[in-house]
């Protein structure tokens, strides 16, 4: 007879052998051995060489900043078919004004969150074209963009742009060291009307 103080013997649970670790046999079996330093990848100390700078307003989904202190007021001819802005030299301005519409603009450099650098042509009111909501709201957005990340969205009912400020604590833009006049030289490369035999003038005046 079993004593009241005796407990039945419990059978020990069987010990399960650990599952074998998966065997990685490819080149990526040891990532630490494949890591490279920035200087080995050619990244350290590299600087982008600017070869193209678009002349346009920021797109509706682009948050952008404007570089303070850089602005230049001039006259542009906008080829709306090709979506290209041409810089007009002072000597050619009377002729262009006589045969086509031109725009008085203030050019300012802008940069997006994707580090795309551009030139924003802010249209100004003239004797021929009065002030309107599109001009004033674009100018307000460019002014605010000197200190904050903003984006512009066209609103036909408003007859202007709605301006939105980024809600996050975004880092400051990284501007290139390139002077403003050199940025303009890159932006308008091959897009300067400086002579009467320029292809744009030949087309406007029906020579070709």
N, C-alpha and C. Protein backbone atom coordinates (compact mmCIF):
# COMPACT_ATOMS: atom_id res chain seq x y z
N UNK A 1 0.86 -1.19 0.00
CA UNK A 1 0.00 0.00 0.00
C UNK A 1 0.89 1.23 0.00
N UNK A 2 0.48 2.27 -0.80
CA UNK A 2 1.29 3.51 -0.92
C UNK A 2 1.04 4.36 0.30
N UNK A 3 2.11 4.84 0.91
CA UNK A 3 2.02 5.73 2.06
C UNK A 3 1.38 7.04 1.62
N UNK A 4 0.68 7.68 2.56
CA UNK A 4 0.04 8.96 2.26
C UNK A 4 1.05 10.04 1.98
N UNK A 5 2.34 9.82 2.39
CA UNK A 5 3.39 10.83 2.18
C UNK A 5 4.15 10.60 0.89
N UNK A 6 3.84 9.48 0.25
CA UNK A 6 4.56 9.19 -0.99
C UNK A 6 3.80 9.77 -2.18
N UNK A 7 4.53 10.38 -3.10
CA UNK A 7 3.95 10.95 -4.32
C UNK A 7 4.32 10.07 -5.50
N UNK A 8 3.42 9.98 -6.44
CA UNK A 8 3.75 9.17 -7.63
C UNK A 8 4.89 9.80 -8.39
N UNK A 9 5.72 8.99 -8.91
CA UNK A 9 6.89 9.46 -9.66
C UNK A 9 6.45 9.99 -11.02
N UNK A 10 6.87 11.25 -11.35
CA UNK A 10 6.55 11.85 -12.64
C UNK A 10 7.61 11.49 -13.66
N UNK A 11 7.16 11.14 -14.83
CA UNK A 11 8.10 10.83 -15.89
C UNK A 11 8.66 12.11 -16.48
N UNK A 12 9.96 12.21 -16.65
CA UNK A 12 10.59 13.40 -17.21
C UNK A 12 10.19 13.54 -18.68
N UNK A 13 9.90 14.83 -19.06
CA UNK A 13 9.53 15.09 -20.47
C UNK A 13 10.73 14.83 -21.36
N UNK A 14 10.50 14.28 -22.52
CA UNK A 14 11.63 13.99 -23.42
C UNK A 14 12.31 15.29 -23.87
N UNK A 15 13.61 15.29 -23.92
CA UNK A 15 14.39 16.47 -24.33
C UNK A 15 14.42 16.52 -25.85
N UNK A 16 13.90 17.67 -26.39
CA UNK A 16 13.87 17.82 -27.84
C UNK A 16 15.18 18.41 -28.32
N UNK A 17 15.73 17.84 -29.31
CA UNK A 17 16.98 18.34 -29.88
C UNK A 17 16.71 19.65 -30.62
N UNK A 18 17.56 20.68 -30.47
CA UNK A 18 17.34 21.95 -31.16
C UNK A 18 17.36 21.77 -32.67
N UNK A 19 16.48 22.57 -33.33
CA UNK A 19 16.42 22.47 -34.79
C UNK A 19 17.72 23.00 -35.38
N UNK A 20 18.23 22.34 -36.38
CA UNK A 20 19.48 22.80 -36.98
C UNK A 20 19.32 24.18 -37.59
N UNK A 21 20.32 25.03 -37.42
CA UNK A 21 20.28 26.37 -37.98
C UNK A 21 20.29 26.29 -39.50
N UNK A 22 19.50 27.18 -40.14
CA UNK A 22 19.47 27.14 -41.62
C UNK A 22 20.86 27.43 -42.18
N UNK A 23 21.21 26.72 -43.19
CA UNK A 23 22.54 26.87 -43.79
C UNK A 23 22.47 27.83 -44.97
N UNK A 24 23.19 28.94 -44.86
CA UNK A 24 23.25 29.91 -45.95
C UNK A 24 24.55 29.67 -46.71
N UNK A 25 24.43 29.31 -47.93
CA UNK A 25 25.62 28.92 -48.67
C UNK A 25 26.04 29.93 -49.72
N UNK A 26 25.20 30.99 -49.96
CA UNK A 26 25.53 31.95 -51.01
C UNK A 26 26.56 32.96 -50.56
N UNK A 27 26.78 33.96 -51.41
CA UNK A 27 27.78 34.98 -51.12
C UNK A 27 27.40 35.83 -49.91
N UNK A 28 26.08 35.88 -49.60
CA UNK A 28 25.63 36.75 -48.51
C UNK A 28 25.56 36.03 -47.16
N UNK A 29 26.28 34.91 -47.00
CA UNK A 29 26.22 34.19 -45.73
C UNK A 29 26.88 34.98 -44.61
N UNK A 30 27.80 35.90 -44.94
CA UNK A 30 28.47 36.71 -43.92
C UNK A 30 28.45 38.17 -44.39
N UNK A 31 27.41 38.89 -43.96
CA UNK A 31 27.25 40.27 -44.41
C UNK A 31 28.37 41.17 -43.91
N UNK A 32 28.87 40.90 -42.70
CA UNK A 32 29.93 41.74 -42.15
C UNK A 32 31.16 41.74 -43.04
N UNK A 33 31.44 40.58 -43.63
CA UNK A 33 32.62 40.47 -44.48
C UNK A 33 32.45 41.23 -45.79
N UNK A 34 31.20 41.54 -46.14
CA UNK A 34 30.94 42.22 -47.42
C UNK A 34 30.81 43.73 -47.28
N UNK A 35 30.76 44.24 -46.04
CA UNK A 35 30.58 45.68 -45.85
C UNK A 35 31.80 46.44 -46.37
N UNK A 36 31.52 47.61 -46.98
CA UNK A 36 32.59 48.48 -47.47
C UNK A 36 32.45 49.85 -46.83
N UNK A 37 33.54 50.56 -46.78
CA UNK A 37 33.56 51.91 -46.25
C UNK A 37 33.16 52.89 -47.34
N UNK A 38 32.73 54.10 -46.93
CA UNK A 38 32.29 55.10 -47.90
C UNK A 38 33.39 55.44 -48.90
N UNK A 39 34.65 55.54 -48.39
CA UNK A 39 35.72 55.92 -49.31
C UNK A 39 35.99 54.82 -50.34
N UNK A 40 35.69 53.56 -49.94
CA UNK A 40 35.88 52.47 -50.89
C UNK A 40 34.83 52.50 -51.99
N UNK A 41 33.64 53.03 -51.67
CA UNK A 41 32.57 53.12 -52.67
C UNK A 41 32.67 54.39 -53.50
N UNK A 42 33.62 55.24 -53.17
CA UNK A 42 33.77 56.49 -53.90
C UNK A 42 32.77 57.54 -53.49
N UNK A 43 32.16 57.41 -52.28
CA UNK A 43 31.14 58.35 -51.84
C UNK A 43 31.73 59.48 -51.00
N UNK A 44 32.72 59.20 -50.24
CA UNK A 44 33.26 60.21 -49.34
C UNK A 44 33.90 61.34 -50.13
N UNK A 45 33.48 62.56 -49.82
CA UNK A 45 34.09 63.71 -50.45
C UNK A 45 33.60 63.99 -51.86
N UNK A 46 32.61 63.24 -52.35
CA UNK A 46 32.14 63.47 -53.71
C UNK A 46 31.20 64.66 -53.76
N UNK A 47 31.20 65.38 -54.87
CA UNK A 47 30.36 66.55 -55.06
C UNK A 47 29.64 66.42 -56.39
N UNK A 48 28.34 66.67 -56.37
CA UNK A 48 27.58 66.57 -57.61
C UNK A 48 27.99 67.66 -58.59
N UNK A 49 28.12 67.30 -59.85
CA UNK A 49 28.40 68.25 -60.91
C UNK A 49 27.08 68.62 -61.55
N UNK A 50 26.67 69.89 -61.41
CA UNK A 50 25.39 70.34 -61.96
C UNK A 50 25.50 70.49 -63.47
N UNK A 51 24.65 69.79 -64.20
CA UNK A 51 24.65 69.88 -65.66
C UNK A 51 23.32 70.36 -66.21
N UNK A 52 22.26 70.27 -65.42
CA UNK A 52 20.94 70.71 -65.88
C UNK A 52 20.14 71.23 -64.70
N UNK A 53 19.54 72.41 -64.87
CA UNK A 53 18.69 73.02 -63.85
C UNK A 53 17.41 73.47 -64.54
N UNK A 54 16.28 72.85 -64.27
CA UNK A 54 15.04 73.24 -64.94
C UNK A 54 14.55 74.61 -64.48
N UNK A 55 13.93 75.34 -65.40
CA UNK A 55 13.31 76.63 -65.09
C UNK A 55 11.81 76.40 -65.10
N UNK A 56 11.22 76.30 -63.93
CA UNK A 56 9.79 76.01 -63.80
C UNK A 56 9.35 76.26 -62.38
N UNK A 57 8.05 76.28 -62.17
CA UNK A 57 7.53 76.39 -60.80
C UNK A 57 7.55 75.01 -60.15
N UNK A 58 7.64 74.93 -58.84
CA UNK A 58 7.59 73.63 -58.17
C UNK A 58 6.26 72.94 -58.44
N UNK A 59 6.29 71.62 -58.54
CA UNK A 59 5.08 70.86 -58.81
C UNK A 59 4.23 70.74 -57.55
N UNK A 60 2.97 70.38 -57.72
CA UNK A 60 2.01 70.41 -56.62
C UNK A 60 2.37 69.46 -55.48
N UNK A 61 3.11 68.39 -55.78
CA UNK A 61 3.45 67.41 -54.74
C UNK A 61 4.87 67.59 -54.22
N UNK A 62 5.53 68.70 -54.56
CA UNK A 62 6.91 68.92 -54.16
C UNK A 62 6.99 69.94 -53.03
N UNK A 63 7.50 69.53 -51.90
CA UNK A 63 7.85 70.49 -50.86
C UNK A 63 9.19 71.11 -51.25
N UNK A 64 9.30 72.42 -51.12
CA UNK A 64 10.49 73.10 -51.60
C UNK A 64 10.91 74.23 -50.68
N UNK A 65 12.16 74.63 -50.83
CA UNK A 65 12.71 75.80 -50.15
C UNK A 65 13.32 76.73 -51.18
N UNK A 66 13.37 78.01 -50.85
CA UNK A 66 13.98 79.03 -51.70
C UNK A 66 15.21 79.58 -51.00
N UNK A 67 16.31 79.74 -51.75
CA UNK A 67 17.55 80.23 -51.14
C UNK A 67 17.46 81.75 -50.97
N UNK A 68 17.51 82.23 -49.74
CA UNK A 68 17.40 83.68 -49.51
C UNK A 68 18.58 84.44 -50.12
N UNK A 69 18.29 85.64 -50.57
CA UNK A 69 19.35 86.52 -51.06
C UNK A 69 19.64 86.41 -52.53
N UNK A 70 19.11 85.37 -53.20
CA UNK A 70 19.36 85.17 -54.63
C UNK A 70 18.08 85.45 -55.41
N UNK A 71 18.07 86.52 -56.17
CA UNK A 71 16.94 86.80 -57.04
C UNK A 71 17.39 87.75 -58.15
N UNK A 72 16.73 87.61 -59.30
CA UNK A 72 17.10 88.40 -60.47
C UNK A 72 15.86 88.63 -61.31
N UNK A 73 15.53 89.91 -61.55
CA UNK A 73 14.35 90.25 -62.35
C UNK A 73 14.75 90.46 -63.80
N UNK A 74 14.03 89.80 -64.70
CA UNK A 74 14.38 89.84 -66.12
C UNK A 74 13.13 89.57 -66.95
N UNK A 75 13.30 89.32 -68.23
CA UNK A 75 12.18 89.03 -69.14
C UNK A 75 12.43 87.69 -69.82
N UNK A 76 11.40 86.85 -69.86
CA UNK A 76 11.50 85.53 -70.48
C UNK A 76 10.45 85.39 -71.58
N UNK A 77 10.79 84.57 -72.55
CA UNK A 77 9.80 84.13 -73.54
C UNK A 77 9.49 82.67 -73.23
N UNK A 78 8.21 82.35 -73.07
CA UNK A 78 7.80 81.00 -72.73
C UNK A 78 7.24 80.30 -73.97
N UNK A 79 7.93 79.25 -74.40
CA UNK A 79 7.44 78.41 -75.48
C UNK A 79 6.53 77.36 -74.84
N UNK A 80 5.24 77.59 -74.88
CA UNK A 80 4.31 76.72 -74.17
C UNK A 80 4.17 75.35 -74.82
N UNK A 81 4.43 75.28 -76.12
CA UNK A 81 4.35 73.98 -76.79
C UNK A 81 5.48 73.07 -76.32
N UNK A 82 6.69 73.59 -76.30
CA UNK A 82 7.86 72.81 -75.87
C UNK A 82 8.07 72.88 -74.36
N UNK A 83 7.32 73.76 -73.67
CA UNK A 83 7.47 73.96 -72.24
C UNK A 83 8.90 74.35 -71.88
N UNK A 84 9.39 75.36 -72.59
CA UNK A 84 10.75 75.84 -72.39
C UNK A 84 10.71 77.35 -72.19
N UNK A 85 11.47 77.85 -71.21
CA UNK A 85 11.62 79.28 -70.99
C UNK A 85 12.93 79.76 -71.59
N UNK A 86 12.88 80.84 -72.37
CA UNK A 86 14.07 81.41 -72.99
C UNK A 86 14.39 82.75 -72.35
N UNK A 87 15.66 82.94 -72.04
CA UNK A 87 16.13 84.22 -71.54
C UNK A 87 16.30 85.17 -72.72
N UNK A 88 15.83 86.40 -72.57
CA UNK A 88 15.92 87.40 -73.63
C UNK A 88 16.94 88.46 -73.23
N UNK A 89 17.96 88.65 -74.06
CA UNK A 89 18.94 89.70 -73.77
C UNK A 89 18.28 91.07 -73.97
N UNK A 90 18.77 92.11 -73.28
CA UNK A 90 18.16 93.44 -73.40
C UNK A 90 18.08 93.95 -74.84
N UNK A 91 19.09 93.64 -75.67
CA UNK A 91 19.08 94.13 -77.05
C UNK A 91 17.94 93.53 -77.87
N UNK A 92 17.50 92.32 -77.51
CA UNK A 92 16.46 91.64 -78.27
C UNK A 92 15.06 91.86 -77.71
N UNK A 93 14.97 92.52 -76.57
CA UNK A 93 13.67 92.69 -75.92
C UNK A 93 12.67 93.48 -76.77
N UNK A 94 13.05 94.63 -77.38
CA UNK A 94 12.07 95.37 -78.19
C UNK A 94 11.49 94.53 -79.32
N UNK A 95 12.31 93.74 -79.98
CA UNK A 95 11.82 92.92 -81.08
C UNK A 95 10.87 91.84 -80.59
N UNK A 96 11.23 91.16 -79.51
CA UNK A 96 10.36 90.10 -78.98
C UNK A 96 9.03 90.67 -78.51
N UNK A 97 9.07 91.84 -77.88
CA UNK A 97 7.83 92.45 -77.41
C UNK A 97 6.92 92.82 -78.58
N UNK A 98 7.52 93.17 -79.72
CA UNK A 98 6.74 93.60 -80.86
C UNK A 98 6.05 92.43 -81.57
N UNK A 99 6.61 91.23 -81.46
CA UNK A 99 6.08 90.11 -82.24
C UNK A 99 5.47 89.00 -81.37
N UNK A 100 5.64 89.06 -80.06
CA UNK A 100 5.13 87.97 -79.23
C UNK A 100 4.93 88.45 -77.80
N UNK A 101 4.31 87.59 -77.00
CA UNK A 101 4.12 87.89 -75.58
C UNK A 101 5.35 87.47 -74.79
N UNK A 102 5.77 88.32 -73.89
CA UNK A 102 6.87 88.00 -73.01
C UNK A 102 6.43 88.21 -71.57
N UNK A 103 7.19 87.68 -70.63
CA UNK A 103 6.83 87.77 -69.21
C UNK A 103 7.96 88.41 -68.42
N UNK A 104 7.62 89.37 -67.58
CA UNK A 104 8.58 89.92 -66.63
C UNK A 104 8.55 89.03 -65.40
N UNK A 105 9.69 88.52 -64.99
CA UNK A 105 9.74 87.55 -63.90
C UNK A 105 10.89 87.87 -62.95
N UNK A 106 10.75 87.40 -61.73
CA UNK A 106 11.86 87.37 -60.79
C UNK A 106 12.29 85.92 -60.64
N UNK A 107 13.55 85.64 -60.94
CA UNK A 107 14.08 84.28 -60.87
C UNK A 107 14.67 84.03 -59.49
N UNK A 108 14.28 82.92 -58.86
CA UNK A 108 14.83 82.53 -57.56
C UNK A 108 15.18 81.05 -57.61
N UNK A 109 16.26 80.63 -56.97
CA UNK A 109 16.59 79.20 -56.93
C UNK A 109 15.77 78.48 -55.86
N UNK A 110 15.30 77.28 -56.19
CA UNK A 110 14.58 76.47 -55.20
C UNK A 110 15.13 75.06 -55.22
N UNK A 111 14.88 74.34 -54.13
CA UNK A 111 15.33 72.96 -54.01
C UNK A 111 14.23 72.15 -53.36
N UNK A 112 14.04 70.90 -53.84
CA UNK A 112 12.98 70.05 -53.31
C UNK A 112 13.55 69.11 -52.24
N UNK A 113 12.66 68.36 -51.61
CA UNK A 113 13.08 67.38 -50.62
C UNK A 113 13.92 66.29 -51.26
N UNK A 114 13.75 66.07 -52.56
CA UNK A 114 14.54 65.07 -53.28
C UNK A 114 15.85 65.66 -53.80
N UNK A 115 16.17 66.87 -53.35
CA UNK A 115 17.42 67.57 -53.69
C UNK A 115 17.51 67.93 -55.17
N UNK A 116 16.34 68.13 -55.79
CA UNK A 116 16.30 68.60 -57.16
C UNK A 116 16.36 70.12 -57.14
N UNK A 117 17.36 70.68 -57.81
CA UNK A 117 17.55 72.12 -57.84
C UNK A 117 16.89 72.70 -59.08
N UNK A 118 16.17 73.81 -58.91
CA UNK A 118 15.50 74.45 -60.04
C UNK A 118 15.51 75.96 -59.91
N UNK A 119 15.05 76.63 -60.97
CA UNK A 119 14.89 78.08 -60.96
C UNK A 119 13.40 78.37 -61.10
N UNK A 120 12.84 79.09 -60.14
CA UNK A 120 11.43 79.40 -60.09
C UNK A 120 11.20 80.77 -60.72
N UNK A 121 10.50 80.86 -61.88
CA UNK A 121 10.21 82.15 -62.49
C UNK A 121 8.91 82.73 -61.94
N UNK A 122 9.03 83.71 -61.06
CA UNK A 122 7.86 84.34 -60.44
C UNK A 122 7.40 85.50 -61.31
N UNK A 123 6.23 85.36 -61.92
CA UNK A 123 5.74 86.39 -62.83
C UNK A 123 5.31 87.63 -62.06
N UNK A 124 5.61 88.80 -62.66
CA UNK A 124 5.29 90.08 -62.04
C UNK A 124 4.24 90.81 -62.87
N UNK A 125 3.51 91.70 -62.21
CA UNK A 125 2.52 92.52 -62.90
C UNK A 125 3.23 93.57 -63.76
N UNK A 126 2.65 93.87 -64.92
CA UNK A 126 3.18 94.91 -65.82
C UNK A 126 2.02 95.80 -66.26
N UNK A 127 2.35 96.79 -67.10
CA UNK A 127 1.29 97.65 -67.64
C UNK A 127 0.32 96.83 -68.49
N UNK A 128 0.85 95.82 -69.20
CA UNK A 128 0.00 95.00 -70.07
C UNK A 128 -0.75 93.92 -69.30
N UNK A 129 -0.12 93.40 -68.24
CA UNK A 129 -0.72 92.31 -67.45
C UNK A 129 -0.80 92.75 -66.00
N UNK A 130 -2.01 92.96 -65.52
CA UNK A 130 -2.18 93.42 -64.15
C UNK A 130 -1.91 92.33 -63.13
N UNK A 131 -1.89 92.72 -61.88
CA UNK A 131 -1.66 91.79 -60.78
C UNK A 131 -2.85 90.84 -60.68
N UNK A 132 -2.59 89.59 -60.31
CA UNK A 132 -3.67 88.63 -60.12
C UNK A 132 -3.33 87.66 -59.00
N UNK A 133 -4.31 86.82 -58.67
CA UNK A 133 -4.14 85.91 -57.54
C UNK A 133 -3.05 84.88 -57.74
N UNK A 134 -2.83 84.45 -58.98
CA UNK A 134 -1.77 83.47 -59.24
C UNK A 134 -0.41 84.05 -58.93
N UNK A 135 -0.19 85.30 -59.32
CA UNK A 135 1.10 85.93 -59.07
C UNK A 135 1.33 86.19 -57.58
N UNK A 136 0.33 86.73 -56.91
CA UNK A 136 0.51 87.08 -55.50
C UNK A 136 0.68 85.85 -54.62
N UNK A 137 -0.08 84.78 -54.90
CA UNK A 137 0.05 83.59 -54.06
C UNK A 137 1.35 82.85 -54.34
N UNK A 138 1.83 82.85 -55.60
CA UNK A 138 3.13 82.24 -55.90
C UNK A 138 4.24 83.01 -55.20
N UNK A 139 4.15 84.34 -55.22
CA UNK A 139 5.15 85.16 -54.54
C UNK A 139 5.12 84.91 -53.03
N UNK A 140 3.92 84.76 -52.46
CA UNK A 140 3.80 84.49 -51.03
C UNK A 140 4.42 83.13 -50.68
N UNK A 141 4.22 82.13 -51.55
CA UNK A 141 4.79 80.80 -51.31
C UNK A 141 6.31 80.86 -51.36
N UNK A 142 6.87 81.59 -52.33
CA UNK A 142 8.32 81.70 -52.44
C UNK A 142 8.91 82.43 -51.24
N UNK A 143 8.20 83.43 -50.74
CA UNK A 143 8.68 84.16 -49.56
C UNK A 143 8.68 83.27 -48.33
N UNK A 144 7.60 82.50 -48.14
CA UNK A 144 7.51 81.60 -46.99
C UNK A 144 8.55 80.49 -47.09
N UNK A 145 8.86 80.06 -48.33
CA UNK A 145 9.81 78.96 -48.54
C UNK A 145 11.24 79.34 -48.19
N UNK A 146 11.50 80.60 -47.91
CA UNK A 146 12.84 80.99 -47.47
C UNK A 146 13.14 80.48 -46.07
N UNK A 147 12.09 80.19 -45.29
CA UNK A 147 12.29 79.72 -43.92
C UNK A 147 11.58 78.40 -43.61
N UNK A 148 10.63 77.97 -44.48
CA UNK A 148 9.87 76.76 -44.21
C UNK A 148 9.77 75.91 -45.49
N UNK A 149 9.58 74.60 -45.29
CA UNK A 149 9.28 73.70 -46.41
C UNK A 149 7.81 73.86 -46.75
N UNK A 150 7.50 74.22 -47.99
CA UNK A 150 6.11 74.44 -48.40
C UNK A 150 5.87 73.75 -49.75
N UNK A 151 4.60 73.61 -50.08
CA UNK A 151 4.21 73.17 -51.41
C UNK A 151 3.03 74.02 -51.87
N UNK A 152 2.86 74.12 -53.20
CA UNK A 152 1.80 74.92 -53.80
C UNK A 152 0.84 74.01 -54.55
N UNK A 153 -0.45 74.32 -54.44
CA UNK A 153 -1.46 73.55 -55.17
C UNK A 153 -2.43 74.52 -55.80
N UNK A 154 -2.58 74.42 -57.12
CA UNK A 154 -3.47 75.32 -57.84
C UNK A 154 -4.92 75.09 -57.42
N UNK A 155 -5.65 76.19 -57.27
CA UNK A 155 -7.07 76.13 -56.93
C UNK A 155 -7.80 77.09 -57.87
N UNK A 156 -8.52 76.52 -58.85
CA UNK A 156 -9.19 77.35 -59.84
C UNK A 156 -10.26 78.23 -59.22
N UNK A 157 -10.98 77.72 -58.20
CA UNK A 157 -12.00 78.52 -57.55
C UNK A 157 -11.39 79.71 -56.81
N UNK A 158 -10.20 79.51 -56.29
CA UNK A 158 -9.49 80.58 -55.58
C UNK A 158 -8.81 81.54 -56.55
N UNK A 159 -8.59 81.09 -57.79
CA UNK A 159 -7.81 81.85 -58.78
C UNK A 159 -6.41 82.13 -58.25
N UNK A 160 -5.85 81.11 -57.66
CA UNK A 160 -4.51 81.24 -57.10
C UNK A 160 -4.04 79.90 -56.55
N UNK A 161 -2.90 79.94 -55.86
CA UNK A 161 -2.32 78.73 -55.30
C UNK A 161 -2.63 78.64 -53.81
N UNK A 162 -3.02 77.47 -53.36
CA UNK A 162 -3.11 77.19 -51.93
C UNK A 162 -1.71 76.79 -51.46
N UNK A 163 -1.32 77.26 -50.30
CA UNK A 163 0.03 77.04 -49.79
C UNK A 163 -0.04 76.16 -48.56
N UNK A 164 0.74 75.07 -48.55
CA UNK A 164 0.76 74.14 -47.43
C UNK A 164 2.17 74.08 -46.84
N UNK A 165 2.26 74.19 -45.53
CA UNK A 165 3.54 74.09 -44.83
C UNK A 165 3.72 72.68 -44.29
N UNK A 166 4.92 72.13 -44.42
CA UNK A 166 5.19 70.77 -43.94
C UNK A 166 4.99 70.70 -42.42
N UNK A 167 4.38 69.61 -41.96
CA UNK A 167 4.08 69.46 -40.54
C UNK A 167 5.25 68.87 -39.76
N UNK A 168 6.11 68.11 -40.41
CA UNK A 168 7.23 67.47 -39.72
C UNK A 168 8.39 68.43 -39.48
N UNK A 169 9.28 68.01 -38.60
CA UNK A 169 10.50 68.77 -38.33
C UNK A 169 11.56 68.35 -39.36
N UNK A 170 11.48 68.92 -40.54
CA UNK A 170 12.36 68.53 -41.62
C UNK A 170 13.70 69.25 -41.53
N UNK A 171 14.73 68.59 -42.00
CA UNK A 171 16.07 69.16 -41.94
C UNK A 171 16.20 70.31 -42.91
N UNK A 172 17.18 71.17 -42.66
CA UNK A 172 17.43 72.31 -43.53
C UNK A 172 17.95 71.84 -44.89
N UNK A 173 17.68 72.58 -45.95
CA UNK A 173 18.15 72.16 -47.28
C UNK A 173 19.67 72.25 -47.40
N UNK A 174 20.23 71.40 -48.23
CA UNK A 174 21.67 71.42 -48.50
C UNK A 174 21.89 72.09 -49.85
N UNK A 175 22.23 73.37 -49.80
CA UNK A 175 22.42 74.13 -51.03
C UNK A 175 23.82 73.91 -51.60
N UNK A 176 23.94 73.89 -52.92
CA UNK A 176 25.28 73.79 -53.53
C UNK A 176 26.05 75.10 -53.31
N UNK A 177 27.36 75.02 -53.39
CA UNK A 177 28.19 76.21 -53.23
C UNK A 177 28.22 77.06 -54.50
N UNK A 178 27.59 76.60 -55.56
CA UNK A 178 27.62 77.29 -56.84
C UNK A 178 26.96 78.65 -56.74
N UNK A 179 27.63 79.74 -57.17
CA UNK A 179 27.03 81.08 -57.14
C UNK A 179 25.79 81.15 -58.02
N UNK A 180 24.91 82.11 -57.72
CA UNK A 180 23.64 82.23 -58.42
C UNK A 180 23.83 82.47 -59.91
N UNK A 181 24.79 83.30 -60.28
CA UNK A 181 24.98 83.58 -61.71
C UNK A 181 25.40 82.32 -62.48
N UNK A 182 26.15 81.43 -61.83
CA UNK A 182 26.52 80.18 -62.48
C UNK A 182 25.33 79.23 -62.59
N UNK A 183 24.44 79.27 -61.59
CA UNK A 183 23.21 78.46 -61.68
C UNK A 183 22.37 78.92 -62.86
N UNK A 184 22.27 80.23 -63.07
CA UNK A 184 21.51 80.76 -64.20
C UNK A 184 22.16 80.38 -65.52
N UNK A 185 23.48 80.37 -65.55
CA UNK A 185 24.20 80.00 -66.77
C UNK A 185 23.89 78.56 -67.16
N UNK A 186 23.81 77.68 -66.16
CA UNK A 186 23.47 76.28 -66.41
C UNK A 186 22.00 76.15 -66.82
N UNK A 187 21.13 76.88 -66.12
CA UNK A 187 19.69 76.76 -66.37
C UNK A 187 19.31 77.21 -67.77
N UNK A 188 19.97 78.27 -68.28
CA UNK A 188 19.58 78.83 -69.58
C UNK A 188 20.58 78.47 -70.68
N UNK A 189 21.41 77.50 -70.42
CA UNK A 189 22.32 77.02 -71.46
C UNK A 189 21.51 76.56 -72.67
N UNK A 190 21.85 77.08 -73.84
CA UNK A 190 21.14 76.76 -75.09
C UNK A 190 19.73 77.34 -75.14
N UNK A 191 19.37 78.18 -74.18
CA UNK A 191 18.03 78.78 -74.17
C UNK A 191 18.13 80.29 -73.94
N UNK A 192 18.94 80.94 -74.74
CA UNK A 192 19.11 82.39 -74.68
C UNK A 192 18.84 82.95 -76.08
N UNK A 193 17.95 83.92 -76.15
CA UNK A 193 17.67 84.60 -77.42
C UNK A 193 18.49 85.88 -77.45
N UNK A 194 19.56 85.86 -78.24
CA UNK A 194 20.49 86.99 -78.26
C UNK A 194 20.73 87.55 -79.65
N UNK A 195 20.07 86.96 -80.68
CA UNK A 195 20.28 87.44 -82.06
C UNK A 195 19.00 87.29 -82.85
N UNK A 196 18.90 88.05 -83.96
CA UNK A 196 17.69 88.05 -84.76
C UNK A 196 17.51 86.77 -85.57
N UNK A 197 18.56 85.96 -85.68
CA UNK A 197 18.42 84.71 -86.43
C UNK A 197 18.25 83.51 -85.50
N UNK A 198 17.82 83.77 -84.26
CA UNK A 198 17.57 82.66 -83.35
C UNK A 198 16.40 81.82 -83.88
N UNK A 199 16.45 80.49 -83.76
CA UNK A 199 15.37 79.63 -84.26
C UNK A 199 13.98 80.02 -83.76
N UNK A 200 13.87 80.47 -82.51
CA UNK A 200 12.57 80.87 -81.97
C UNK A 200 12.03 82.07 -82.73
N UNK A 201 12.88 83.07 -82.97
CA UNK A 201 12.46 84.24 -83.73
C UNK A 201 12.14 83.88 -85.17
N UNK A 202 12.93 83.01 -85.76
CA UNK A 202 12.65 82.58 -87.13
C UNK A 202 11.28 81.92 -87.23
N UNK A 203 10.92 81.14 -86.22
CA UNK A 203 9.62 80.48 -86.25
C UNK A 203 8.50 81.48 -86.01
N UNK A 204 8.67 82.39 -85.04
CA UNK A 204 7.62 83.37 -84.74
C UNK A 204 7.35 84.27 -85.94
N UNK A 205 8.41 84.66 -86.64
CA UNK A 205 8.28 85.60 -87.75
C UNK A 205 8.04 84.91 -89.10
N UNK A 206 7.87 83.60 -89.07
CA UNK A 206 7.52 82.87 -90.27
C UNK A 206 8.65 82.73 -91.28
N UNK A 207 9.89 82.72 -90.80
CA UNK A 207 11.03 82.56 -91.72
C UNK A 207 11.28 81.09 -92.03
N UNK A 208 10.80 80.22 -91.17
CA UNK A 208 11.00 78.78 -91.37
C UNK A 208 9.65 78.07 -91.25
